[in-house]
Protein backbone atom coordinates (compact mmCIF):
# COMPACT_ATOMS: atom_id res chain seq x y z
CA MET A 1 124.24 103.52 80.34
CA ARG A 2 123.21 99.97 80.31
CA LEU A 3 122.73 99.88 84.34
CA VAL A 4 119.71 102.81 83.86
CA ALA A 5 118.40 101.26 81.05
CA GLY A 6 118.15 98.14 82.61
CA VAL A 7 117.18 99.32 85.64
CA THR A 8 114.40 102.08 84.04
CA LEU A 9 113.14 98.54 81.69
CA ALA A 10 112.49 96.88 85.06
CA VAL A 11 110.90 99.88 86.60
CA SER A 12 108.43 100.54 83.83
CA LEU A 13 107.83 96.34 83.49
CA VAL A 14 106.65 96.64 87.51
CA LEU A 15 104.88 99.68 86.77
CA VAL A 16 102.56 98.22 84.37
CA ALA A 17 102.46 95.21 86.05
CA GLY A 18 100.76 96.88 88.92
CA VAL A 19 98.12 98.60 86.61
CA ALA A 20 96.95 95.85 85.18
CA LEU A 21 96.47 94.38 88.54
CA ALA A 22 94.39 97.09 89.87
CA GLN A 23 92.23 96.68 86.59
CA ASP A 24 91.87 93.09 86.52
CA ASP A 25 91.95 93.06 90.35
CA PRO A 26 90.98 96.25 92.05
CA VAL A 27 90.34 94.68 95.57
CA GLY A 28 92.94 93.14 95.47
CA ALA A 29 95.18 95.89 94.76
CA ARG A 30 93.29 98.03 97.22
CA GLN A 31 94.12 95.33 99.72
CA LYS A 32 97.71 95.59 98.98
CA LEU A 33 97.89 99.01 99.24
CA MET A 34 96.65 99.08 102.45
CA LYS A 35 98.92 96.55 103.71
CA MET A 36 101.40 98.96 102.46
CA ASN A 37 99.76 102.14 103.96
CA ASN A 38 99.48 99.95 107.57
CA ALA A 39 103.14 99.01 107.61
CA SER A 40 103.92 102.81 107.01
CA ILE A 41 101.88 104.04 109.52
CA ARG A 42 103.15 101.44 111.83
CA ALA A 43 107.13 102.17 111.00
CA ALA A 44 106.39 106.12 111.64
CA PHE A 45 104.44 105.24 115.20
CA GLY A 46 107.39 103.28 115.93
CA LEU A 47 109.82 105.94 115.12
CA ALA A 48 107.64 108.81 116.49
CA THR A 49 107.26 106.95 120.43
CA GLY A 50 111.11 105.65 120.57
CA LYS A 51 109.91 101.84 119.46
CA ALA A 52 112.72 102.54 116.83
CA PRO A 53 115.38 105.03 116.88
CA TYR A 54 114.22 108.56 115.27
CA ASP A 55 115.58 108.57 111.52
CA ALA A 56 113.69 111.73 110.12
CA ALA A 57 114.26 110.65 106.49
CA LYS A 58 112.74 107.12 107.68
CA ALA A 59 109.57 109.43 109.16
CA GLY A 60 109.24 111.03 105.98
CA ASP A 61 109.66 108.23 103.68
CA ALA A 62 106.86 106.80 105.73
CA MET A 63 104.78 109.32 105.30
CA LYS A 64 105.41 110.19 101.18
CA GLN A 65 104.40 106.19 100.67
CA ILE A 66 101.60 106.96 102.26
CA ILE A 67 101.35 109.91 100.27
CA THR A 68 102.14 108.08 96.88
CA ASP A 69 99.85 105.25 97.99
CA MET A 70 96.72 108.08 97.69
CA ASP A 71 97.72 108.86 94.22
CA GLN A 72 96.59 104.92 93.40
CA PHE A 73 94.18 104.34 95.49
CA LEU A 74 90.84 106.12 94.22
CA THR A 75 91.28 104.69 90.99
CA LEU A 76 90.77 101.45 92.61
CA PHE A 77 87.17 101.87 93.60
CA PRO A 78 85.96 101.92 90.09
CA GLU A 79 81.94 101.27 90.09
CA GLY A 80 81.63 97.79 90.46
CA SER A 81 83.88 96.60 92.49
CA THR A 82 82.11 95.46 95.46
CA GLY A 83 82.02 91.69 95.15
CA GLY A 84 84.25 89.57 96.48
CA GLN A 85 86.71 89.43 99.87
CA THR A 86 86.21 93.62 100.07
CA GLU A 87 85.79 95.03 103.69
CA ALA A 88 85.07 98.88 101.49
CA SER A 89 81.18 99.60 102.22
CA PRO A 90 78.95 100.02 99.38
CA ASP A 91 78.84 103.90 101.14
CA VAL A 92 82.18 104.60 99.25
CA TRP A 93 79.71 104.58 95.72
CA THR A 94 77.20 106.35 96.53
CA HIS A 95 79.06 109.03 98.93
CA MET A 96 82.62 109.06 96.58
CA GLU A 97 82.86 112.81 96.74
CA ASP A 98 82.65 112.45 100.99
CA PHE A 99 85.21 108.80 99.92
CA GLU A 100 87.65 111.48 97.73
CA ALA A 101 87.86 114.41 100.51
CA LEU A 102 89.01 112.08 103.34
CA ALA A 103 91.83 110.23 100.55
CA LEU A 104 92.89 114.35 100.18
CA LYS A 105 93.07 115.07 103.88
CA LEU A 106 95.19 111.52 104.75
CA GLN A 107 97.76 112.70 101.52
CA THR A 108 97.92 116.24 102.62
CA ASP A 109 98.14 115.82 106.41
CA ALA A 110 100.62 113.07 105.53
CA LEU A 111 102.42 116.14 103.82
CA ALA A 112 102.92 118.14 107.07
CA ALA A 113 103.94 115.07 108.74
CA ALA A 114 106.75 113.91 106.26
CA ASN A 115 107.58 117.87 106.08
CA ILE A 116 107.78 117.69 109.68
CA ALA A 117 110.12 115.02 110.51
CA PRO A 118 113.18 117.13 110.68
CA SER A 119 112.25 119.03 113.59
CA GLY A 120 112.27 115.37 115.70
CA PRO A 121 109.98 113.13 117.04
CA ASP A 122 107.65 115.25 119.16
CA ALA A 123 106.51 117.43 116.45
CA PHE A 124 106.34 113.89 114.36
CA LYS A 125 104.61 112.27 116.92
CA ALA A 126 101.53 114.96 116.67
CA ALA A 127 101.36 114.76 112.89
CA VAL A 128 101.60 111.28 112.76
CA LEU A 129 98.78 111.17 115.09
CA ALA A 130 96.38 113.30 113.40
CA VAL A 131 97.31 110.89 109.71
CA ASN A 132 96.18 107.89 111.91
CA ALA A 133 93.37 110.11 113.06
CA ASP A 134 92.61 109.63 109.10
CA CYS A 135 92.94 106.69 108.63
CA THR A 136 90.44 106.07 111.68
CA ALA A 137 87.58 108.56 110.06
CA CYS A 138 87.66 106.94 106.80
CA HIS A 139 87.89 103.06 108.28
CA GLN A 140 84.71 104.09 110.67
CA LYS A 141 82.70 105.20 108.24
CA TYR A 142 83.83 103.24 104.92
CA ARG A 143 84.94 99.71 105.84
CA VAL A 144 82.35 97.20 106.74
CA SER A 145 84.21 94.59 110.02
CA GLU A 146 83.00 91.86 110.51
């Protein structure tokens, strides 16, 4: 029982710290989240292309991480978070409905990929390509390249 309580407390502290970071530094929080998404899509591509042995559970988990990240993602663009080392285009805030729609499409396609993961690497690869296309579409519209 103590172990469960300790784990629950530790998870709660991590979540509180994450929320505090997001409020204090939304740019840093969204950059961290994008790095996690990048790691997830890279892992998924590795599994889908045979660079790593195919594991349906790992494939699904990579997509589930993106789904979870998208739940928090849109909260990381409050008004006024355009300064600092951000690569977010100012168009994010003037076209928020479109930006939100792209994030929802990514989440929907990642769910489809997670659901198809048990079907094997060929089916999963096609689904991952759709997820990657969502990422690319958003970055082309709402990411400033240097």
